[in-house]
Amino acid sequence: MRVDWEEGDMEREKRVLFVDEDVNLVALVEASLARKGMAIVAIRTLEEAWQALGRGERYDFVLLSMKTPPVEEVRLLRRIRAEQPECAVVVMAGYGAINDAIVALKNGAVDYLLKPARPSQVLFALERTAERVARRGLSDALLLGHCRECRFSGVVCVSRRMRNVCHQVGTVANSNAPILLMGEPGTGKELFSRTIHCLSPRRLNPYLKVSCSTLNSNQLEAQLFGTNDPETADLRRPPVHSSPLITGGTVYLDEVAALPVPIQARLVQALQEREIQGPDGVTTYGLDVRLVSSTRENLAELVDQGKFREDLYYKLNVVSVNIPPLRRHPDDILPLAEYYLDYYCDATGKRIRGFSSAAEEVLTRYDWPGNVRELRNAVERAVIRARGEKVEVADLPEEILPPADPKVIHLRLEDRRLEAAEEALIEQVLTETKGNISKTADILGVSRGTLYNKLEKYKLRK
């Protein structure tokens, strides 16, 4: 496949973000790309690049100059790969820094150049990159790009397993077929349900989430069908013609396995007859809705046990999507953590420039039984606790830390005084001995009196 960029040959102007301190090279490349119908946004620092991404600016290509060691450049690459998977990144590394280029390629870059580079070499690298992108298609990335109509964002994935899920969701979203999302709690089922709505022809119509596991039968009936029952008058949607089942939108049945049997029966009837009856028992309204359901349970087993209607199961399970737990796609842990780090830094006004290598190791080694929801919560707590430029192990929630190694004491970078190490050691041994003073003093090799003095000094609980 050959991609020729002749003048006027493009459907739209391609945008290139060029991050380099060499103003002369940037000027020459800008002139060359302008003749090819491309717009270049030139910035000199990584901080400016972060600001541009934070403003939601989107690019077709990024030219990124690398420094040694490329720690911040790799972090920027991960964010671009996670938030703008359709964007192709070409890195430029100095001679003798080929290892940096290899690291960049492993973290999402498509191609690399060795500096100093001529404008013609840069243009050729972009053409070569465009060929690779076109050949690869990147259909899954494009299908799950940000939905401009509803400002959808939040699907962050770089692993092959999750990109396959994204591709499947993007493929079926444009239909009207009911979809069943299956997965453990916290895997992102609601986010994908909103994605399906945002990418569907119904995206300009209402989206309603119905929590089947938290509402009782009367409340569920009011949510779905409307009611004249005075006990649920505050929950109904009068008049009934505003029911979400007839508005042309999407209804998300969260944890559909908990739907009471009488509501299951009424929903089956509505789906079969393609209409619902008004509260007056006379007026009927045509059904116009796309149902997306989710479950943590095995619905097929519930059908066999007589706990879920078989006819409703088949009506909801026209298309099924399995969303894997986070432990099954660990490559997404750090990109997700970086995404939430940026999100909560923006919310709190903090300036934290990533995770320390030790903190990254803790994040990637943890099993995440609560999945993405637990990871998000952990990052939020870490941002609140962090006092340095990076999130350290000491900032992470205690429950995700590995079992304490008596030979290892984690201290904040800004608090590595000898007294801080002594305090941390005493606290760690006290925890291991469950507060036993005699055992703690014996392990530390001090007398009980000395230990009591230390406890008083550091205001530690006995």
Protein backbone atom coordinates (compact mmCIF):
# COMPACT_ATOMS: atom_id res chain seq x y z
CA MET A 1 0.00 0.00 0.00
CA ARG A 2 1.35 3.40 -0.96
CA VAL A 3 0.11 6.63 0.59
CA ASP A 4 0.86 9.67 -1.58
CA TRP A 5 0.39 13.06 0.01
CA GLU A 6 0.08 15.35 -2.94
CA GLU A 7 -1.33 18.85 -2.62
CA GLY A 8 -5.10 18.81 -2.32
CA ASP A 9 -5.13 15.02 -2.13
CA MET A 10 -6.41 14.79 1.44
CA GLU A 11 -10.01 14.81 2.55
CA ARG A 12 -9.12 16.96 5.51
CA GLU A 13 -6.07 18.69 6.85
CA LYS A 14 -3.90 16.35 8.91
CA ARG A 15 -2.68 17.71 12.25
CA VAL A 16 0.85 17.05 13.46
CA LEU A 17 2.12 17.84 16.95
CA PHE A 18 5.88 18.48 16.83
CA VAL A 19 7.66 18.45 20.21
CA ASP A 20 11.25 19.63 19.76
CA GLU A 21 13.49 22.41 21.03
CA ASP A 22 15.23 22.81 17.64
CA VAL A 23 13.31 25.80 16.24
CA ASN A 24 15.21 25.71 12.94
CA LEU A 25 14.29 22.07 12.24
CA VAL A 26 10.68 22.74 13.25
CA ALA A 27 10.46 25.70 10.85
CA LEU A 28 11.85 23.69 7.92
CA VAL A 29 9.58 20.71 8.63
CA GLU A 30 6.59 23.01 9.00
CA ALA A 31 7.20 24.50 5.55
CA SER A 32 7.52 21.05 3.98
CA LEU A 33 4.38 19.71 5.62
CA ALA A 34 2.36 22.80 4.71
CA ARG A 35 3.02 22.07 1.04
CA LYS A 36 1.60 18.60 1.62
CA GLY A 37 -1.59 19.97 3.16
CA MET A 38 -0.68 19.27 6.77
CA ALA A 39 -0.96 21.62 9.74
CA ILE A 40 1.83 21.50 12.30
CA VAL A 41 1.51 22.54 15.92
CA ALA A 42 5.03 23.20 17.20
CA ILE A 43 5.86 23.21 20.89
CA ARG A 44 9.21 23.07 22.63
CA THR A 45 8.64 21.25 25.92
CA LEU A 46 6.93 18.15 27.25
CA GLU A 47 5.01 20.30 29.71
CA GLU A 48 3.39 22.13 26.79
CA ALA A 49 2.54 18.76 25.23
CA TRP A 50 0.79 17.68 28.44
CA GLN A 51 -1.15 20.93 28.46
CA ALA A 52 -2.25 20.41 24.84
CA LEU A 53 -3.50 16.91 25.60
CA GLY A 54 -5.20 18.17 28.73
CA ARG A 55 -7.17 20.64 26.60
CA GLY A 56 -8.49 17.72 24.56
CA GLU A 57 -6.60 18.68 21.39
CA ARG A 58 -6.42 15.78 18.94
CA TYR A 59 -3.75 14.96 16.38
CA ASP A 60 -3.18 12.53 13.54
CA PHE A 61 0.57 12.32 14.16
CA VAL A 62 3.01 13.27 16.88
CA LEU A 63 6.70 13.89 16.29
CA LEU A 64 8.41 13.53 19.65
CA SER A 65 12.04 14.35 20.36
CA MET A 66 13.52 12.02 22.98
CA LYS A 67 15.95 12.78 25.78
CA THR A 68 18.01 10.27 27.74
CA PRO A 69 16.66 8.68 29.87
CA PRO A 70 13.24 9.04 28.22
CA VAL A 71 11.17 8.68 31.41
CA GLU A 72 8.74 11.55 30.80
CA GLU A 73 8.61 10.86 27.07
CA VAL A 74 7.46 7.28 27.75
CA ARG A 75 4.79 8.54 30.12
CA LEU A 76 3.56 10.92 27.41
CA LEU A 77 3.55 8.06 24.90
CA ARG A 78 1.39 5.96 27.20
CA ARG A 79 -1.13 8.74 27.57
CA ILE A 80 -1.34 9.32 23.81
CA ARG A 81 -1.71 5.60 23.22
CA ALA A 82 -4.47 5.35 25.82
CA GLU A 83 -6.46 8.50 24.97
CA GLN A 84 -5.83 8.85 21.23
CA PRO A 85 -5.14 5.33 19.90
CA GLU A 86 -5.75 6.54 16.36
CA CYS A 87 -2.80 8.96 16.67
CA ALA A 88 0.53 7.66 15.31
CA VAL A 89 3.71 8.69 17.13
CA VAL A 90 7.16 8.97 15.54
CA VAL A 91 10.04 9.51 17.97
CA MET A 92 13.40 11.13 17.24
CA ALA A 93 16.38 9.86 19.23
CA GLY A 94 19.98 10.97 19.17
CA TYR A 95 22.74 8.83 17.71
CA GLY A 96 23.88 6.39 20.34
CA ALA A 97 20.42 6.37 21.93
CA ILE A 98 18.91 3.56 19.88
CA ASN A 99 17.84 1.83 23.11
CA ASP A 100 15.62 4.83 23.87
CA ALA A 101 13.94 4.39 20.49
CA ILE A 102 13.35 0.71 21.23
CA VAL A 103 11.75 1.60 24.56
CA ALA A 104 9.51 4.09 22.74
CA LEU A 105 8.44 1.48 20.18
CA LYS A 106 7.51 -0.89 23.00
CA ASN A 107 5.36 1.84 24.55
CA GLY A 108 3.31 2.75 21.52
CA ALA A 109 5.51 4.60 19.02
CA VAL A 110 5.04 3.51 15.40
CA ASP A 111 8.41 4.58 13.97
CA TYR A 112 11.64 6.36 14.90
CA LEU A 113 14.28 8.66 13.43
CA LEU A 114 17.85 9.29 14.48
CA LYS A 115 18.89 12.93 14.96
CA PRO A 116 19.96 15.15 13.39
CA ALA A 117 17.19 14.58 10.86
CA ARG A 118 16.54 16.47 7.63
CA PRO A 119 13.02 17.69 6.77
CA SER A 120 12.86 15.20 3.89
CA GLN A 121 13.60 12.37 6.33
CA VAL A 122 10.86 13.54 8.67
CA LEU A 123 8.35 13.70 5.83
CA PHE A 124 9.35 10.24 4.62
CA ALA A 125 8.93 8.86 8.16
CA LEU A 126 5.43 10.33 8.33
CA GLU A 127 4.52 8.83 4.94
CA ARG A 128 5.85 5.45 6.04
CA THR A 129 3.88 5.71 9.28
CA ALA A 130 0.70 6.61 7.38
CA GLU A 131 1.14 3.46 5.28
CA ARG A 132 1.43 1.33 8.40
CA VAL A 133 -1.62 2.90 9.97
CA ALA A 134 -3.66 2.43 6.80
CA ARG A 135 -2.54 -1.18 6.46
CA ARG A 136 -3.32 -1.95 10.08
CA GLY A 137 -6.65 -0.21 9.82
CA LEU A 138 -6.91 0.70 13.50
CA SER A 139 -10.62 0.04 13.18
CA ASP A 140 -11.01 -0.73 16.86
CA ALA A 141 -9.32 2.49 17.87
CA LEU A 142 -11.44 4.56 15.51
CA LEU A 143 -14.67 2.84 16.50
CA LEU A 144 -14.06 3.66 20.14
CA GLY A 145 -12.78 7.17 19.67
CA HIS A 146 -14.30 10.01 21.67
CA CYS A 147 -17.94 10.60 20.75
CA ARG A 148 -18.17 14.32 20.05
CA GLU A 149 -21.98 14.43 20.31
CA CYS A 150 -22.04 13.36 23.96
CA ARG A 151 -18.41 14.02 24.94
CA PHE A 152 -17.92 10.33 25.70
CA SER A 153 -14.52 9.45 27.09
CA GLY A 154 -13.01 6.98 29.49
CA VAL A 155 -12.33 3.75 27.56
CA VAL A 156 -8.60 3.39 28.10
CA CYS A 157 -6.99 0.24 26.75
CA VAL A 158 -3.79 -0.82 25.03
CA SER A 159 -3.90 -4.60 25.51
CA ARG A 160 -4.92 -6.86 22.65
CA ARG A 161 -7.60 -8.50 24.80
CA MET A 162 -9.39 -5.24 25.57
CA ARG A 163 -8.90 -3.84 22.09
CA ASN A 164 -10.75 -6.90 20.81
CA VAL A 165 -13.59 -6.08 23.22
CA CYS A 166 -13.61 -2.49 21.99
CA HIS A 167 -13.71 -3.65 18.38
CA GLN A 168 -16.63 -5.98 19.13
CA VAL A 169 -18.55 -3.21 20.92
CA GLY A 170 -17.88 -0.75 18.12
CA THR A 171 -19.05 -3.26 15.53
CA VAL A 172 -22.42 -4.02 17.16
CA ALA A 173 -23.16 -0.54 18.51
CA ASN A 174 -24.59 0.69 15.21
CA SER A 175 -27.33 -1.95 15.20
CA ASN A 176 -30.55 -2.13 17.23
CA ALA A 177 -29.84 -5.61 18.58
CA PRO A 178 -30.12 -6.14 22.36
CA ILE A 179 -26.70 -6.62 23.96
CA LEU A 180 -25.76 -8.55 27.10
CA LEU A 181 -22.57 -7.39 28.84
CA MET A 182 -21.03 -10.02 31.11
CA GLY A 183 -18.24 -9.49 33.61
CA GLU A 184 -17.20 -9.11 37.21
CA PRO A 185 -18.14 -6.00 39.21
CA GLY A 186 -15.93 -3.04 38.43
CA THR A 187 -14.89 -4.14 34.94
CA GLY A 188 -16.62 -1.23 33.20
CA LYS A 189 -19.93 -2.68 32.06
CA GLU A 190 -21.80 0.59 32.57
CA LEU A 191 -19.10 2.52 30.72
CA PHE A 192 -19.44 0.16 27.77
CA SER A 193 -23.23 0.47 27.86
CA ARG A 194 -22.87 4.24 27.54
CA THR A 195 -20.34 3.70 24.75
CA ILE A 196 -22.85 1.58 22.86
CA HIS A 197 -25.46 4.32 23.22
CA CYS A 198 -23.01 7.05 22.20
CA LEU A 199 -21.94 5.17 19.07
CA SER A 200 -25.46 4.17 18.04
CA PRO A 201 -28.04 5.99 15.89
CA ARG A 202 -29.97 6.53 19.15
CA ARG A 203 -27.25 8.66 20.76
CA LEU A 204 -29.30 11.88 20.57
CA ASN A 205 -32.21 10.21 22.40
CA PRO A 206 -32.41 9.44 26.16
CA TYR A 207 -30.17 6.97 27.97
CA LEU A 208 -31.53 5.50 31.22
CA LYS A 209 -29.80 3.24 33.69
CA VAL A 210 -32.12 0.95 35.68
CA SER A 211 -30.50 -0.63 38.76
CA CYS A 212 -32.26 -3.98 38.95
CA SER A 213 -30.47 -5.06 42.14
CA THR A 214 -31.28 -1.97 44.24
CA LEU A 215 -34.91 -1.19 43.32
CA ASN A 216 -37.96 -3.14 44.47
CA SER A 217 -40.69 -4.38 42.11
CA ASN A 218 -42.84 -1.25 42.39
CA GLN A 219 -39.89 1.02 41.77
CA LEU A 220 -38.73 -1.01 38.79
CA GLU A 221 -42.23 -0.98 37.32
CA ALA A 222 -42.34 2.79 37.76
CA GLN A 223 -38.96 3.19 36.11
CA LEU A 224 -39.80 1.07 33.10
CA PHE A 225 -43.55 1.32 32.54
CA GLY A 226 -44.98 4.17 34.65
CA THR A 227 -47.63 3.56 37.30
CA ASN A 228 -50.73 4.92 38.97
CA ASP A 229 -49.79 3.45 42.34
CA PRO A 230 -49.82 6.37 44.82
CA GLU A 231 -47.07 4.71 46.87
CA THR A 232 -44.64 5.17 43.98
CA ALA A 233 -46.00 8.39 42.58
CA ASP A 234 -42.70 10.13 43.23
CA LEU A 235 -40.88 7.58 41.05
CA ARG A 236 -43.17 7.31 38.04
CA ARG A 237 -42.61 9.13 34.82
CA PRO A 238 -45.98 10.78 34.09
CA PRO A 239 -47.41 10.73 31.58
CA VAL A 240 -46.62 7.20 30.44
CA HIS A 241 -45.65 8.36 26.95
CA SER A 242 -42.38 9.58 28.50
CA SER A 243 -41.47 5.99 29.48
CA PRO A 244 -37.92 5.19 28.36
CA LEU A 245 -39.23 2.13 26.50
CA ILE A 246 -40.88 4.32 23.88
CA THR A 247 -38.55 7.32 23.59
CA GLY A 248 -36.24 5.89 20.94
CA GLY A 249 -33.31 5.78 23.34
CA THR A 250 -31.32 3.15 25.22
CA VAL A 251 -32.28 1.47 28.51
CA TYR A 252 -29.43 -0.10 30.47
CA LEU A 253 -30.61 -2.92 32.76
CA ASP A 254 -27.81 -3.10 35.33
CA GLU A 255 -27.48 -6.55 36.98
CA VAL A 256 -30.48 -7.87 35.09
CA ALA A 257 -30.29 -11.22 36.94
CA ALA A 258 -31.90 -9.47 39.94
CA LEU A 259 -35.00 -8.48 37.94
CA PRO A 260 -38.08 -9.83 39.78
CA VAL A 261 -39.98 -12.55 37.94
CA PRO A 262 -43.20 -10.48 37.53
CA ILE A 263 -41.20 -7.68 35.90
CA GLN A 264 -39.44 -10.26 33.71
CA ALA A 265 -42.85 -11.49 32.52
CA ARG A 266 -44.11 -7.99 31.74
CA LEU A 267 -40.90 -7.10 29.91
CA VAL A 268 -41.12 -10.28 27.79
CA GLN A 269 -44.70 -9.39 26.86
CA ALA A 270 -43.67 -5.87 25.88
CA LEU A 271 -40.81 -7.16 23.73
CA GLN A 272 -43.02 -9.73 22.04
CA GLU A 273 -45.92 -7.38 21.31
CA ARG A 274 -43.66 -4.37 20.66
CA GLU A 275 -45.94 -2.15 22.75
CA ILE A 276 -46.69 -1.25 26.36
CA GLN A 277 -50.01 -0.55 28.02
CA GLY A 278 -50.70 2.76 29.71
CA PRO A 279 -51.74 3.06 33.39
CA ASP A 280 -55.37 3.48 32.28
CA GLY A 281 -55.32 -0.09 31.00
CA VAL A 282 -56.65 1.02 27.62
CA THR A 283 -54.08 3.14 25.81
CA THR A 284 -51.10 1.40 24.23
CA TYR A 285 -47.82 2.84 23.03
CA GLY A 286 -45.41 1.38 20.49
CA LEU A 287 -42.10 0.09 21.82
CA ASP A 288 -39.03 1.98 20.57
CA VAL A 289 -35.96 1.18 22.63
CA ARG A 290 -32.58 -0.53 22.54
CA LEU A 291 -31.94 -2.74 25.56
CA VAL A 292 -28.43 -3.20 26.92
CA SER A 293 -28.19 -5.50 29.93
CA SER A 294 -25.36 -6.49 32.24
CA THR A 295 -24.78 -9.30 34.68
CA ARG A 296 -22.11 -10.71 36.95
CA GLU A 297 -24.08 -13.97 37.15
CA ASN A 298 -24.21 -16.85 34.69
CA LEU A 299 -27.71 -16.30 33.26
CA ALA A 300 -27.73 -19.66 31.51
CA GLU A 301 -27.30 -21.41 34.86
CA LEU A 302 -30.04 -19.26 36.40
CA VAL A 303 -32.34 -20.31 33.55
CA ASP A 304 -31.58 -23.99 34.30
CA GLN A 305 -32.34 -23.34 37.98
CA GLY A 306 -35.65 -21.70 37.11
CA LYS A 307 -34.55 -18.34 38.52
CA PHE A 308 -34.58 -16.45 35.21
CA ARG A 309 -37.03 -16.71 32.32
CA GLU A 310 -35.61 -18.56 29.35
CA ASP A 311 -37.56 -16.47 26.82
CA LEU A 312 -36.27 -13.22 28.30
CA TYR A 313 -32.72 -14.59 28.34
CA TYR A 314 -32.79 -15.21 24.60
CA LYS A 315 -34.37 -11.83 23.90
CA LEU A 316 -31.67 -9.98 25.86
CA ASN A 317 -28.77 -12.14 24.71
CA VAL A 318 -28.90 -11.50 20.97
CA VAL A 319 -25.31 -10.24 21.17
CA SER A 320 -23.09 -11.02 24.17
CA VAL A 321 -19.87 -9.27 25.12
CA ASN A 322 -17.54 -10.67 27.78
CA ILE A 323 -15.55 -7.98 29.58
CA PRO A 324 -12.50 -9.58 31.20
CA PRO A 325 -11.33 -8.75 34.74
CA LEU A 326 -8.35 -6.42 35.01
CA ARG A 327 -6.04 -9.26 36.08
CA ARG A 328 -6.61 -10.79 32.61
CA HIS A 329 -5.28 -7.70 30.81
CA PRO A 330 -2.47 -6.39 33.04
CA ASP A 331 -0.98 -4.33 30.19
CA ASP A 332 -3.79 -1.84 30.82
CA ILE A 333 -3.02 -1.30 34.51
CA LEU A 334 -0.43 1.45 34.11
CA PRO A 335 -2.22 3.30 31.27
CA LEU A 336 -5.40 3.29 33.36
CA ALA A 337 -3.48 4.43 36.44
CA GLU A 338 -1.89 7.28 34.45
CA TYR A 339 -5.30 8.27 33.10
CA TYR A 340 -6.85 8.46 36.56
CA LEU A 341 -3.76 10.18 37.94
CA ASP A 342 -4.16 12.98 35.42
CA TYR A 343 -7.90 13.11 36.08
CA TYR A 344 -7.55 13.52 39.84
CA CYS A 345 -4.60 15.88 39.53
CA ASP A 346 -6.81 18.13 37.41
CA ALA A 347 -9.60 17.83 39.97
CA THR A 348 -7.37 18.64 42.96
CA GLY A 349 -4.97 21.08 41.32
CA LYS A 350 -1.95 18.94 42.23
CA ARG A 351 1.09 18.60 39.97
CA ILE A 352 2.18 14.97 40.15
CA ARG A 353 4.36 13.66 37.35
CA GLY A 354 3.59 9.96 37.44
CA PHE A 355 4.42 6.98 39.64
CA SER A 356 7.79 5.93 40.98
CA SER A 357 9.14 2.67 39.56
CA ALA A 358 8.49 0.97 42.91
CA ALA A 359 4.88 2.19 42.93
CA GLU A 360 4.41 0.99 39.35
CA GLU A 361 5.66 -2.45 40.38
CA VAL A 362 3.13 -2.58 43.22
CA LEU A 363 0.31 -1.60 40.86
CA THR A 364 1.21 -4.22 38.25
CA ARG A 365 1.75 -7.03 40.75
CA TYR A 366 -1.55 -6.56 42.59
CA ASP A 367 -4.43 -8.84 41.55
CA TRP A 368 -7.17 -6.11 41.54
CA PRO A 369 -10.18 -8.18 42.64
CA GLY A 370 -12.28 -5.00 42.43
CA ASN A 371 -11.03 -4.44 38.88
CA VAL A 372 -10.92 -0.98 37.29
CA ARG A 373 -13.19 0.50 39.96
CA GLU A 374 -10.71 -0.51 42.68
CA LEU A 375 -7.77 0.85 40.65
CA ARG A 376 -9.52 4.18 40.21
CA ASN A 377 -10.22 4.40 43.94
CA ALA A 378 -6.59 3.52 44.75
CA VAL A 379 -5.24 6.24 42.46
CA GLU A 380 -7.65 8.82 43.88
CA ARG A 381 -6.48 8.03 47.42
CA ALA A 382 -2.83 8.13 46.32
CA VAL A 383 -3.27 11.59 44.77
CA ILE A 384 -4.79 12.87 48.02
CA ARG A 385 -1.90 11.47 50.08
CA ALA A 386 0.99 12.27 47.73
CA ARG A 387 3.29 15.13 48.72
CA GLY A 388 6.06 14.79 46.16
CA GLU A 389 6.39 15.02 42.38
CA LYS A 390 5.61 11.33 42.02
CA VAL A 391 3.34 8.83 43.71
CA GLU A 392 5.45 6.68 46.00
CA VAL A 393 4.68 3.27 47.49
CA ALA A 394 3.90 4.97 50.81
CA ASP A 395 1.11 6.93 49.10
CA LEU A 396 -0.72 3.81 47.90
CA PRO A 397 -3.55 2.21 49.92
CA GLU A 398 -2.23 -0.32 52.43
CA GLU A 399 -4.56 -3.05 51.19
CA ILE A 400 -2.90 -3.25 47.77
CA LEU A 401 0.64 -3.44 49.14
CA PRO A 402 2.41 -6.81 49.15
CA PRO A 403 3.00 -8.57 52.50
CA ALA A 404 5.56 -6.66 54.50
CA ASP A 405 9.16 -7.74 53.97
CA PRO A 406 11.01 -7.24 57.28
CA LYS A 407 14.09 -6.19 55.29
CA VAL A 408 12.27 -3.45 53.34
CA ILE A 409 11.02 -0.11 54.66
CA HIS A 410 9.27 2.28 52.27
CA LEU A 411 9.86 5.96 52.91
CA ARG A 412 8.77 9.06 51.04
CA LEU A 413 11.50 10.61 48.93
CA GLU A 414 11.23 13.90 50.80
CA ASP A 415 11.37 12.23 54.23
CA ARG A 416 14.47 10.06 54.35
CA ARG A 417 15.93 11.24 57.64
CA LEU A 418 17.47 8.68 59.99
CA GLU A 419 14.71 9.35 62.54
CA ALA A 420 12.06 8.70 59.90
CA ALA A 421 13.64 5.30 59.18
CA GLU A 422 13.76 4.49 62.91
CA GLU A 423 10.11 5.46 63.36
CA ALA A 424 9.05 3.38 60.34
CA LEU A 425 11.03 0.36 61.59
CA ILE A 426 9.50 0.50 65.07
CA GLU A 427 6.00 0.87 63.61
CA GLN A 428 6.57 -2.05 61.24
CA VAL A 429 7.82 -4.41 63.97
CA LEU A 430 4.98 -3.36 66.27
CA THR A 431 2.54 -4.29 63.52
CA GLU A 432 4.20 -7.69 63.01
CA THR A 433 4.12 -8.47 66.75
CA LYS A 434 0.56 -7.13 67.09
CA GLY A 435 1.68 -4.53 69.62
CA ASN A 436 3.64 -6.89 71.90
CA ILE A 437 6.22 -4.62 73.60
CA SER A 438 8.51 -7.40 74.83
CA LYS A 439 8.71 -9.11 71.44
CA THR A 440 9.19 -5.77 69.67
CA ALA A 441 12.02 -4.75 72.01
CA ASP A 442 13.66 -8.17 71.59
CA ILE A 443 13.52 -8.01 67.78
CA LEU A 444 14.88 -4.45 67.76
CA GLY A 445 17.61 -5.33 70.26
CA VAL A 446 16.71 -2.63 72.78
CA SER A 447 15.35 -2.61 76.30
CA ARG A 448 11.67 -2.16 77.06
CA GLY A 449 12.48 1.20 78.67
CA THR A 450 14.25 2.42 75.54
CA LEU A 451 11.37 1.25 73.40
CA TYR A 452 8.85 3.07 75.60
CA ASN A 453 10.90 6.26 75.21
CA LYS A 454 10.89 5.83 71.44
CA LEU A 455 7.14 5.23 71.41
CA GLU A 456 6.64 8.43 73.38
CA LYS A 457 9.01 10.35 71.12
CA TYR A 458 7.29 9.31 67.91
CA LYS A 459 3.81 9.25 69.46
CA LEU A 460 3.23 5.68 68.35
CA ARG A 461 0.46 3.59 69.83
CA LYS A 462 1.58 0.92 72.24
